N, C-alpha and C. Protein backbone atom coordinates (compact mmCIF):
# COMPACT_ATOMS: atom_id res chain seq x y z
N MET A 1 30.51 50.51 117.36
CA MET A 1 30.81 51.43 116.16
C MET A 1 31.69 52.22 116.45
N MET A 2 32.61 52.39 115.38
CA MET A 2 33.73 53.40 115.49
C MET A 2 33.54 54.47 114.43
N GLY A 3 33.31 55.64 114.63
CA GLY A 3 33.44 56.69 113.89
C GLY A 3 34.50 57.07 112.99
N PRO A 4 34.23 57.96 111.98
CA PRO A 4 35.34 57.91 110.77
C PRO A 4 36.42 58.79 111.14
N ILE A 5 36.61 59.70 112.09
CA ILE A 5 37.60 60.51 112.39
C ILE A 5 38.41 60.23 113.65
N TYR A 6 39.58 60.02 113.42
CA TYR A 6 40.30 59.51 114.53
C TYR A 6 41.67 60.58 114.52
N VAL A 7 41.77 61.22 115.78
CA VAL A 7 42.95 62.10 115.74
C VAL A 7 43.87 61.55 116.59
N ILE A 8 45.11 61.80 116.34
CA ILE A 8 46.31 61.26 117.18
C ILE A 8 47.03 62.60 117.48
N THR A 9 47.22 62.53 118.75
CA THR A 9 48.09 63.74 119.31
C THR A 9 49.57 63.75 118.98
N ASP A 10 50.30 64.84 119.20
CA ASP A 10 51.61 65.01 118.78
C ASP A 10 52.18 66.13 119.73
N PRO A 11 53.39 65.70 120.54
CA PRO A 11 53.70 66.49 121.63
C PRO A 11 54.53 67.65 121.21
N ASP A 12 54.91 67.65 119.58
CA ASP A 12 55.62 68.72 118.91
C ASP A 12 54.81 69.85 118.49
N ALA A 13 53.47 69.44 118.38
CA ALA A 13 52.40 70.23 117.85
C ALA A 13 52.48 71.73 118.82
N PRO A 14 51.93 72.89 118.24
CA PRO A 14 51.84 73.97 118.92
C PRO A 14 51.10 74.03 120.22
N LEU A 15 50.06 73.22 120.29
CA LEU A 15 49.17 73.25 121.49
C LEU A 15 49.69 72.03 122.24
N PRO A 16 49.58 71.93 123.68
CA PRO A 16 49.76 70.95 124.48
C PRO A 16 48.94 69.73 124.28
N VAL A 17 49.34 68.56 124.46
CA VAL A 17 48.71 67.45 124.15
C VAL A 17 47.14 67.23 124.73
N ALA A 18 46.85 67.73 125.87
CA ALA A 18 45.58 67.87 126.43
C ALA A 18 44.67 68.70 125.77
N GLN A 19 45.19 69.75 125.37
CA GLN A 19 44.42 70.85 124.46
C GLN A 19 43.96 70.24 123.04
N GLN A 20 45.07 69.61 122.43
CA GLN A 20 44.78 69.04 121.36
C GLN A 20 43.84 68.00 121.32
N ALA A 21 43.82 67.04 122.20
CA ALA A 21 42.54 65.95 122.40
C ALA A 21 41.45 66.70 122.67
N LEU A 22 41.23 67.69 123.55
CA LEU A 22 40.09 68.10 123.89
C LEU A 22 39.35 68.86 122.71
N ALA A 23 40.10 69.48 121.94
CA ALA A 23 39.75 70.22 120.64
C ALA A 23 39.01 69.33 119.78
N ALA A 24 39.84 68.08 119.61
CA ALA A 24 39.46 67.19 118.62
C ALA A 24 38.02 66.38 119.12
N ALA A 25 37.95 66.21 120.22
CA ALA A 25 36.61 65.65 120.93
C ALA A 25 35.71 66.72 120.64
N ARG A 26 35.96 68.01 120.83
CA ARG A 26 34.66 69.04 120.72
C ARG A 26 34.23 69.28 119.29
N GLY A 27 35.31 68.93 118.26
CA GLY A 27 35.10 68.83 116.97
C GLY A 27 34.36 67.79 116.13
N GLY A 28 34.19 66.59 116.98
CA GLY A 28 33.51 65.56 116.72
C GLY A 28 34.35 64.22 116.36
N ALA A 29 35.52 64.14 116.58
CA ALA A 29 36.45 63.05 116.36
C ALA A 29 35.68 61.89 117.48
N ASP A 30 35.59 60.65 116.95
CA ASP A 30 35.17 59.64 117.72
C ASP A 30 36.24 59.22 118.62
N LEU A 31 37.45 58.97 117.97
CA LEU A 31 38.67 58.23 118.68
C LEU A 31 39.77 59.18 118.75
N ILE A 32 40.06 59.43 120.02
CA ILE A 32 41.45 60.29 120.04
C ILE A 32 42.44 59.60 120.67
N GLN A 33 43.78 59.33 120.01
CA GLN A 33 44.81 58.42 120.51
C GLN A 33 45.87 59.52 121.08
N ILE A 34 46.39 59.21 122.31
CA ILE A 34 47.22 59.90 123.07
C ILE A 34 48.61 59.29 122.85
N ARG A 35 49.41 59.92 122.07
CA ARG A 35 50.58 59.61 121.73
C ARG A 35 51.75 60.62 122.27
N ASP A 36 52.68 60.11 123.02
CA ASP A 36 53.58 61.20 123.55
C ASP A 36 54.89 60.40 124.01
N LYS A 37 55.80 59.98 123.07
CA LYS A 37 56.72 59.22 123.44
C LYS A 37 57.89 59.79 124.15
N GLN A 38 57.78 61.13 124.60
CA GLN A 38 58.79 61.85 125.32
C GLN A 38 58.46 61.81 126.77
N ALA A 39 57.04 61.40 126.95
CA ALA A 39 56.74 61.58 128.36
C ALA A 39 57.06 60.36 129.29
N SER A 40 57.24 60.30 130.63
CA SER A 40 57.51 59.09 131.34
C SER A 40 56.25 58.33 131.39
N ASP A 41 56.05 57.06 131.89
CA ASP A 41 55.04 56.36 132.29
C ASP A 41 54.26 57.16 133.13
N ALA A 42 54.75 57.51 134.23
CA ALA A 42 53.97 58.38 135.19
C ALA A 42 53.25 59.61 134.83
N GLU A 43 54.05 60.27 133.99
CA GLU A 43 53.47 61.69 133.35
C GLU A 43 52.28 61.01 132.45
N PHE A 44 52.64 60.09 131.56
CA PHE A 44 51.68 59.80 130.66
C PHE A 44 50.45 59.15 131.39
N ALA A 45 50.37 58.41 132.24
CA ALA A 45 49.35 57.92 133.06
C ALA A 45 48.52 58.90 133.66
N ALA A 46 49.30 59.95 134.24
CA ALA A 46 48.44 61.13 134.84
C ALA A 46 47.87 61.95 133.78
N LEU A 47 48.28 62.10 132.52
CA LEU A 47 47.64 62.70 131.42
C LEU A 47 46.38 62.04 131.07
N VAL A 48 46.59 60.70 130.88
CA VAL A 48 45.42 59.96 130.51
C VAL A 48 44.40 59.92 131.54
N ALA A 49 44.56 59.74 132.72
CA ALA A 49 43.74 59.78 134.04
C ALA A 49 43.08 61.15 134.03
N ARG A 50 43.61 62.18 133.63
CA ARG A 50 43.01 63.65 133.73
C ARG A 50 42.23 63.74 132.41
N LEU A 51 42.39 63.34 131.38
CA LEU A 51 41.67 63.46 130.05
C LEU A 51 40.43 62.61 130.06
N LEU A 52 40.54 61.27 130.47
CA LEU A 52 39.60 60.45 130.33
C LEU A 52 38.29 60.73 130.58
N PRO A 53 37.85 61.23 131.96
CA PRO A 53 36.38 61.78 132.10
C PRO A 53 36.10 62.90 131.09
N GLN A 54 37.01 63.81 130.69
CA GLN A 54 36.71 64.84 129.86
C GLN A 54 36.37 64.33 128.35
N ILE A 55 37.30 63.52 127.87
CA ILE A 55 36.88 62.83 126.56
C ILE A 55 35.66 62.12 126.60
N THR A 56 35.41 61.44 127.63
CA THR A 56 34.32 60.61 127.59
C THR A 56 32.99 61.41 127.80
N ALA A 57 33.05 62.61 128.31
CA ALA A 57 31.87 63.60 128.70
C ALA A 57 31.72 64.29 127.43
N LEU A 58 32.56 64.43 126.28
CA LEU A 58 32.46 64.86 125.09
C LEU A 58 31.98 63.86 124.00
N GLY A 59 31.67 62.66 124.52
CA GLY A 59 31.16 61.66 123.55
C GLY A 59 32.22 60.95 122.66
N ALA A 60 33.52 61.13 123.16
CA ALA A 60 34.49 60.73 122.27
C ALA A 60 35.20 59.40 123.10
N ARG A 61 36.19 58.68 122.62
CA ARG A 61 36.82 57.41 123.23
C ARG A 61 38.42 57.81 123.12
N LEU A 62 38.98 57.50 124.27
CA LEU A 62 40.32 57.92 124.46
C LEU A 62 41.30 56.59 124.31
N VAL A 63 42.08 56.44 123.28
CA VAL A 63 43.03 55.36 123.12
C VAL A 63 44.33 55.85 123.48
N VAL A 64 45.08 54.88 124.05
CA VAL A 64 46.48 54.80 124.51
C VAL A 64 47.36 54.31 123.46
N ASN A 65 48.47 54.95 123.11
CA ASN A 65 49.33 54.57 122.21
C ASN A 65 50.45 53.55 122.75
N ASP A 66 50.60 52.59 122.41
CA ASP A 66 51.91 51.74 122.76
C ASP A 66 51.96 51.13 124.26
N ARG A 67 51.71 51.94 125.19
CA ARG A 67 51.73 51.80 126.70
C ARG A 67 50.67 50.96 127.42
N VAL A 68 50.78 49.60 127.22
CA VAL A 68 49.97 48.49 127.51
C VAL A 68 49.55 48.74 129.14
N ALA A 69 50.44 48.98 130.05
CA ALA A 69 50.31 48.96 131.36
C ALA A 69 49.34 50.13 131.78
N VAL A 70 49.76 51.32 130.91
CA VAL A 70 48.94 52.46 131.42
C VAL A 70 47.58 52.47 130.79
N ALA A 71 47.41 51.88 129.52
CA ALA A 71 45.96 51.80 129.36
C ALA A 71 45.00 51.00 130.13
N LEU A 72 45.73 49.89 130.60
CA LEU A 72 45.02 48.99 131.48
C LEU A 72 44.88 49.71 132.90
N SER A 73 45.81 50.27 133.37
CA SER A 73 45.65 50.79 134.76
C SER A 73 44.67 51.89 134.90
N CYS A 74 44.73 52.69 133.74
CA CYS A 74 43.71 53.84 133.73
C CYS A 74 42.33 53.46 133.18
N GLY A 75 42.23 52.52 132.60
CA GLY A 75 40.74 52.19 132.17
C GLY A 75 40.35 52.76 130.86
N ALA A 76 41.41 53.09 129.96
CA ALA A 76 41.37 53.61 128.71
C ALA A 76 40.26 52.97 128.09
N HIS A 77 39.68 53.78 126.86
CA HIS A 77 38.77 52.92 126.02
C HIS A 77 39.37 51.96 125.09
N GLY A 78 40.76 52.37 124.60
CA GLY A 78 41.39 51.49 123.82
C GLY A 78 42.81 51.55 123.86
N LEU A 79 43.62 50.66 123.02
CA LEU A 79 44.99 50.58 123.14
C LEU A 79 45.23 50.26 121.64
N HIS A 80 46.41 51.05 121.22
CA HIS A 80 46.88 51.00 119.86
C HIS A 80 48.28 50.41 119.98
N ILE A 81 48.72 49.46 119.04
CA ILE A 81 49.95 48.96 119.30
C ILE A 81 50.71 48.81 117.71
N GLY A 82 51.87 48.89 117.71
CA GLY A 82 52.67 48.82 116.57
C GLY A 82 52.88 47.12 116.32
N GLN A 83 53.63 47.09 115.19
CA GLN A 83 54.13 45.54 114.91
C GLN A 83 55.03 44.99 115.99
N GLY A 84 55.86 46.02 116.53
CA GLY A 84 56.89 45.72 117.45
C GLY A 84 56.51 45.64 118.75
N ASP A 85 55.33 45.96 119.34
CA ASP A 85 54.97 46.36 120.61
C ASP A 85 54.48 45.36 121.33
N GLY A 86 54.77 43.78 120.94
CA GLY A 86 54.34 42.79 121.70
C GLY A 86 53.42 41.94 121.18
N ASP A 87 53.08 40.79 121.49
CA ASP A 87 52.05 39.70 121.21
C ASP A 87 50.77 40.41 121.30
N PRO A 88 49.93 40.57 120.17
CA PRO A 88 48.55 41.06 120.27
C PRO A 88 47.73 39.93 120.99
N LEU A 89 47.87 38.64 120.82
CA LEU A 89 47.11 37.70 121.59
C LEU A 89 47.13 37.75 123.07
N ARG A 90 48.47 38.11 123.54
CA ARG A 90 48.67 37.97 124.84
C ARG A 90 48.24 39.30 125.42
N ILE A 91 48.43 40.60 124.71
CA ILE A 91 47.82 41.85 125.21
C ILE A 91 46.28 41.70 125.27
N ARG A 92 45.77 41.29 124.17
CA ARG A 92 44.19 41.00 124.34
C ARG A 92 43.55 40.43 125.53
N ALA A 93 44.41 39.18 126.08
CA ALA A 93 44.05 38.25 126.95
C ALA A 93 44.28 39.31 128.40
N GLN A 94 44.87 40.21 128.34
CA GLN A 94 44.74 41.26 129.69
C GLN A 94 43.80 42.22 129.75
N MET A 95 43.25 42.46 128.33
CA MET A 95 42.42 43.58 128.33
C MET A 95 40.93 43.23 128.80
N PRO A 96 40.16 44.01 129.47
CA PRO A 96 38.73 43.97 129.80
C PRO A 96 37.92 43.92 128.33
N GLU A 97 36.63 43.18 128.67
CA GLU A 97 35.78 43.04 127.41
C GLU A 97 35.27 44.48 127.27
N GLY A 98 35.33 44.83 125.82
CA GLY A 98 34.82 46.19 125.29
C GLY A 98 35.90 47.21 125.10
N MET A 99 37.11 46.86 125.56
CA MET A 99 38.32 47.64 125.39
C MET A 99 38.83 47.54 123.89
N LEU A 100 38.99 48.46 123.06
CA LEU A 100 39.36 48.38 121.78
C LEU A 100 40.80 47.99 121.60
N LEU A 101 41.17 47.29 120.66
CA LEU A 101 42.74 46.93 120.38
C LEU A 101 42.94 47.19 118.95
N GLY A 102 43.93 48.10 118.59
CA GLY A 102 44.16 48.49 117.36
C GLY A 102 45.58 48.13 116.92
N LEU A 103 45.72 47.97 115.82
CA LEU A 103 47.07 47.37 115.40
C LEU A 103 47.71 48.45 114.13
N SER A 104 48.63 48.52 113.99
CA SER A 104 49.33 49.43 112.70
C SER A 104 49.75 48.27 111.89
N VAL A 105 49.40 48.47 110.59
CA VAL A 105 49.65 47.50 109.46
C VAL A 105 50.16 48.19 108.36
N GLU A 106 51.40 47.96 107.97
CA GLU A 106 52.29 48.69 107.03
C GLU A 106 52.38 47.97 105.68
N THR A 107 52.16 46.78 105.58
CA THR A 107 52.20 45.80 104.51
C THR A 107 51.23 44.85 104.27
N GLU A 108 50.87 44.40 102.86
CA GLU A 108 49.92 43.22 102.71
C GLU A 108 50.27 42.26 103.46
N ALA A 109 51.55 41.74 103.65
CA ALA A 109 52.02 40.44 104.39
C ALA A 109 51.36 40.62 105.69
N GLN A 110 51.76 41.95 106.61
CA GLN A 110 51.35 41.97 107.75
C GLN A 110 49.69 41.97 107.87
N ALA A 111 49.02 42.57 106.76
CA ALA A 111 47.73 42.36 106.81
C ALA A 111 47.01 40.92 106.61
N ARG A 112 47.88 40.31 106.00
CA ARG A 112 47.24 38.93 105.96
C ARG A 112 47.71 37.96 107.08
N ALA A 113 48.40 38.58 108.20
CA ALA A 113 48.65 37.66 109.34
C ALA A 113 48.17 38.42 110.55
N ILE A 114 47.16 39.00 110.53
CA ILE A 114 46.49 39.85 111.68
C ILE A 114 45.89 38.76 112.45
N PRO A 115 46.33 38.80 113.92
CA PRO A 115 45.77 37.68 114.84
C PRO A 115 44.49 37.98 115.21
N ALA A 116 43.57 37.16 115.82
CA ALA A 116 42.27 37.38 116.35
C ALA A 116 42.40 38.13 117.53
N GLY A 117 41.19 38.95 117.76
CA GLY A 117 41.39 39.84 118.90
C GLY A 117 41.51 41.30 118.53
N ILE A 118 41.90 41.65 117.18
CA ILE A 118 42.25 43.01 116.86
C ILE A 118 40.82 43.67 116.38
N ASP A 119 40.48 44.95 116.82
CA ASP A 119 39.16 45.61 116.67
C ASP A 119 39.33 46.30 115.32
N TYR A 120 40.45 46.94 115.08
CA TYR A 120 40.73 47.79 113.82
C TYR A 120 42.08 47.78 113.48
N ILE A 121 42.42 48.27 112.15
CA ILE A 121 43.84 48.53 112.00
C ILE A 121 44.01 49.99 111.42
N GLY A 122 45.26 50.10 111.72
CA GLY A 122 45.67 51.66 111.03
C GLY A 122 46.69 51.48 109.99
N ALA A 123 46.23 51.51 108.71
CA ALA A 123 46.96 51.24 107.54
C ALA A 123 47.48 52.36 106.87
N GLY A 124 49.17 52.03 106.68
CA GLY A 124 49.90 53.15 106.14
C GLY A 124 51.20 52.86 106.65
N PRO A 125 51.95 53.96 106.24
CA PRO A 125 51.43 55.40 105.95
C PRO A 125 51.21 55.68 104.54
N VAL A 126 49.94 56.23 104.32
CA VAL A 126 49.71 56.44 102.76
C VAL A 126 50.80 57.40 102.05
N ARG A 127 51.16 58.51 103.01
CA ARG A 127 52.16 59.45 102.28
C ARG A 127 53.23 59.61 103.63
N ALA A 128 54.51 60.11 103.14
CA ALA A 128 55.44 60.44 104.11
C ALA A 128 54.90 61.67 104.87
N THR A 129 55.16 61.48 106.15
CA THR A 129 54.65 62.52 107.16
C THR A 129 55.68 63.00 108.15
N ALA A 130 55.89 64.19 108.43
CA ALA A 130 56.78 64.59 109.45
C ALA A 130 56.58 64.17 110.97
N SER A 131 55.30 64.03 111.04
CA SER A 131 54.74 63.68 112.45
C SER A 131 55.09 62.32 112.98
N LYS A 132 55.75 61.55 112.26
CA LYS A 132 56.32 60.18 112.63
C LYS A 132 57.66 60.20 111.64
N PRO A 133 58.82 60.55 112.03
CA PRO A 133 59.93 60.40 111.22
C PRO A 133 60.42 59.05 110.82
N ASP A 134 60.07 58.00 111.77
CA ASP A 134 60.62 56.73 111.69
C ASP A 134 59.71 55.78 110.87
N HIS A 135 58.62 56.25 110.13
CA HIS A 135 57.57 55.57 109.49
C HIS A 135 58.05 54.65 108.55
N ALA A 136 57.26 53.58 108.13
CA ALA A 136 57.54 52.71 107.06
C ALA A 136 57.63 53.26 105.62
N PRO A 137 58.04 52.84 104.70
CA PRO A 137 57.81 53.58 103.19
C PRO A 137 56.36 53.79 102.93
N PRO A 138 55.90 55.02 102.32
CA PRO A 138 54.64 55.27 102.12
C PRO A 138 53.95 54.25 101.18
N ILE A 139 52.60 54.00 101.27
CA ILE A 139 52.01 53.01 100.48
C ILE A 139 51.16 53.38 99.36
N GLY A 140 50.88 54.69 99.43
CA GLY A 140 50.05 55.18 98.38
C GLY A 140 48.48 54.92 98.40
N LEU A 141 47.64 55.40 97.79
CA LEU A 141 46.26 55.05 97.74
C LEU A 141 45.80 53.60 97.40
N ASP A 142 46.72 53.25 96.22
CA ASP A 142 46.68 51.88 95.82
C ASP A 142 47.01 50.69 96.88
N GLY A 143 48.16 51.12 97.38
CA GLY A 143 48.60 50.32 98.43
C GLY A 143 47.85 50.26 99.59
N LEU A 144 46.98 51.22 100.02
CA LEU A 144 45.99 51.20 100.92
C LEU A 144 45.01 50.43 100.75
N ALA A 145 44.29 50.41 99.61
CA ALA A 145 43.44 49.64 99.06
C ALA A 145 43.61 48.02 99.00
N ARG A 146 44.99 47.65 98.83
CA ARG A 146 45.42 46.44 98.72
C ARG A 146 45.61 45.77 100.21
N ILE A 147 45.94 46.54 101.06
CA ILE A 147 46.28 46.29 102.59
C ILE A 147 44.78 46.12 103.07
N VAL A 148 43.78 47.14 102.92
CA VAL A 148 42.47 46.90 103.21
C VAL A 148 41.78 45.67 103.06
N SER A 149 42.00 45.08 101.45
CA SER A 149 41.42 44.20 101.11
C SER A 149 41.97 42.76 101.69
N ALA A 150 43.39 42.73 101.72
CA ALA A 150 44.05 41.60 102.55
C ALA A 150 43.56 41.52 104.02
N ALA A 151 43.33 42.53 104.61
CA ALA A 151 43.27 42.65 106.33
C ALA A 151 41.96 42.01 106.54
N ARG A 152 40.80 42.51 105.68
CA ARG A 152 39.43 42.09 106.11
C ARG A 152 39.12 42.54 107.58
N TYR A 153 39.69 43.66 108.07
CA TYR A 153 39.40 44.16 109.43
C TYR A 153 39.14 45.66 109.08
N PRO A 154 38.29 46.42 109.91
CA PRO A 154 37.97 47.57 109.67
C PRO A 154 39.14 48.52 109.77
N ALA A 155 39.49 49.37 108.86
CA ALA A 155 40.87 50.18 108.63
C ALA A 155 40.65 51.59 108.73
N TYR A 156 41.62 52.22 109.37
CA TYR A 156 41.62 53.66 109.19
C TYR A 156 43.20 53.80 108.36
N ALA A 157 42.73 54.63 107.46
CA ALA A 157 44.01 55.19 106.62
C ALA A 157 44.74 56.22 107.52
N ILE A 158 46.17 56.12 107.32
CA ILE A 158 47.05 56.94 108.28
C ILE A 158 48.26 57.53 107.57
N GLY A 159 48.72 58.58 107.83
CA GLY A 159 50.00 59.03 107.11
C GLY A 159 49.68 60.01 106.03
N GLY A 160 49.78 61.40 106.65
CA GLY A 160 49.61 62.25 105.43
C GLY A 160 48.24 62.55 104.80
N VAL A 161 47.08 61.97 105.27
CA VAL A 161 45.84 62.03 104.92
C VAL A 161 45.28 63.21 105.39
N LYS A 162 44.40 63.86 104.57
CA LYS A 162 43.63 65.21 104.81
C LYS A 162 42.21 65.09 104.31
N SER A 163 41.42 66.11 104.67
CA SER A 163 40.09 66.10 104.21
C SER A 163 39.81 65.85 102.75
N ALA A 164 40.83 66.33 102.09
CA ALA A 164 40.59 66.29 100.40
C ALA A 164 40.68 64.69 100.08
N ASP A 165 41.35 63.94 100.95
CA ASP A 165 41.44 62.40 100.72
C ASP A 165 40.18 61.67 101.21
N ALA A 166 39.22 62.25 101.73
CA ALA A 166 38.02 61.58 102.26
C ALA A 166 37.33 60.64 101.32
N ALA A 167 37.05 61.11 100.02
CA ALA A 167 36.56 60.21 98.82
C ALA A 167 37.28 58.87 98.59
N ALA A 168 38.89 59.36 98.24
CA ALA A 168 39.62 58.13 97.86
C ALA A 168 39.97 57.15 98.98
N VAL A 169 39.89 57.60 100.12
CA VAL A 169 40.18 56.83 101.34
C VAL A 169 38.96 55.98 101.65
N ARG A 170 37.66 56.48 101.49
CA ARG A 170 36.49 55.62 101.57
C ARG A 170 36.44 54.83 100.31
N ALA A 171 36.82 55.08 99.23
CA ALA A 171 36.90 54.26 98.01
C ALA A 171 37.63 53.08 98.19
N ALA A 172 38.86 53.14 98.91
CA ALA A 172 39.76 52.29 99.41
C ALA A 172 39.18 51.06 100.21
N GLY A 173 37.97 51.36 100.80
CA GLY A 173 37.48 50.61 101.68
C GLY A 173 37.71 50.81 103.30
N CYS A 174 38.31 51.88 103.72
CA CYS A 174 38.46 52.26 104.87
C CYS A 174 37.22 52.79 105.40
N ILE A 175 37.13 52.65 106.94
CA ILE A 175 36.00 53.23 107.48
C ILE A 175 35.86 54.56 108.09
N GLY A 176 37.57 55.13 107.72
CA GLY A 176 37.80 56.56 108.33
C GLY A 176 39.29 56.80 108.04
N MET A 177 39.56 58.01 108.76
CA MET A 177 40.93 58.40 108.48
C MET A 177 41.55 58.73 109.88
N ALA A 178 42.92 58.30 110.20
CA ALA A 178 43.52 58.73 111.29
C ALA A 178 44.52 59.91 110.96
N VAL A 179 44.26 60.88 111.75
CA VAL A 179 45.04 62.06 111.33
C VAL A 179 45.91 62.70 112.45
N VAL A 180 46.96 63.37 112.24
CA VAL A 180 47.92 63.95 113.18
C VAL A 180 47.91 65.46 112.89
N SER A 181 48.83 65.75 111.75
CA SER A 181 48.95 67.31 111.63
C SER A 181 47.69 67.75 111.09
N ALA A 182 46.88 67.30 110.31
CA ALA A 182 45.61 67.98 109.72
C ALA A 182 44.93 68.55 110.90
N VAL A 183 44.95 68.06 111.89
CA VAL A 183 44.12 68.55 112.95
C VAL A 183 44.99 69.42 113.93
N VAL A 184 46.02 68.73 114.62
CA VAL A 184 46.62 69.20 115.77
C VAL A 184 47.65 70.26 115.45
N ARG A 185 47.91 70.46 114.28
CA ARG A 185 48.96 71.62 113.57
C ARG A 185 48.14 72.58 112.94
N ALA A 186 46.59 72.42 113.00
CA ALA A 186 45.72 73.47 112.37
C ALA A 186 45.69 74.71 112.98
N ALA A 187 45.52 75.78 112.60
CA ALA A 187 45.23 77.09 113.41
C ALA A 187 44.35 76.83 114.16
N ASP A 188 43.16 76.10 114.00
CA ASP A 188 41.86 75.80 114.76
C ASP A 188 41.76 74.39 114.74
N PRO A 189 42.34 73.62 115.83
CA PRO A 189 42.00 72.23 115.73
C PRO A 189 40.79 71.76 115.71
N GLU A 190 39.91 72.45 116.58
CA GLU A 190 38.24 71.79 116.56
C GLU A 190 37.68 72.08 115.30
N ALA A 191 38.10 73.43 114.70
CA ALA A 191 37.29 73.61 113.39
C ALA A 191 37.85 72.69 112.26
N ALA A 192 39.18 72.23 112.51
CA ALA A 192 39.64 71.32 111.57
C ALA A 192 39.11 70.01 111.65
N THR A 193 38.76 69.49 112.71
CA THR A 193 38.19 68.29 112.98
C THR A 193 36.80 68.33 112.51
N ARG A 194 36.09 69.29 112.78
CA ARG A 194 34.70 69.49 112.22
C ARG A 194 34.83 69.49 110.53
N ALA A 195 35.76 69.91 110.06
CA ALA A 195 35.77 69.96 108.55
C ALA A 195 35.95 68.60 108.15
N LEU A 196 37.04 67.98 108.70
CA LEU A 196 37.15 66.37 108.34
C LEU A 196 35.75 65.74 108.40
N CYS A 197 35.22 65.91 109.69
CA CYS A 197 33.87 65.12 109.76
C CYS A 197 32.74 65.33 108.55
N ALA A 198 32.81 66.66 108.38
CA ALA A 198 31.92 67.01 107.24
C ALA A 198 32.46 66.63 105.87
N GLU A 199 33.72 66.54 105.52
CA GLU A 199 34.17 66.08 104.41
C GLU A 199 33.90 64.47 104.15
N TRP A 200 34.02 63.77 105.20
CA TRP A 200 33.91 62.33 105.10
C TRP A 200 32.36 62.15 104.87
N GLY A 201 31.55 62.90 105.69
CA GLY A 201 30.11 62.75 105.42
C GLY A 201 29.56 62.88 103.97
N GLN A 202 30.19 63.78 103.40
CA GLN A 202 29.97 64.08 101.88
C GLN A 202 30.60 63.13 100.93
N ALA A 203 31.73 62.49 101.26
CA ALA A 203 32.40 61.75 100.37
C ALA A 203 31.64 60.55 99.80
């Protein structure tokens, strides 16, 4: 069972990535994706290895962004890949049982072509977002609903979503929201995560 609030770290946010991740876990996020494209593999692996027991102790799960070898070597709870990060079937074959595999989906065509072995998708971007300047064209809430319907996989909305969007995202068929700035750029990331969890629960 995957919870509704999925927080993704941002190395350019005010707090260090490790503090972002721990604040999100304390605030009730179920999934926390470590994304830091600036770090070397060695630096990234060291960060994941240090955070993994702390995130686990807080009842959350740590997901590695893109770096297959790091996710496997560190025993992360999950791995999230984009459309250009390799063959999902080959990657799944390397993963231990129970490890989550997420896939970014940006179009209905991609949604209809999801291979077996994917546990969830990140559907979006719903809106333009500064936290990922190279993102695909925004799909809006209507596009989100179409992707979720076409995919038939558990889906998290991503891309400029915030607490006020909880009801609309839920109505689109998503199991939750994946957020970056709404938490990691908030004045109090832990409180922001709690607010997202509460808003989702009331949606």
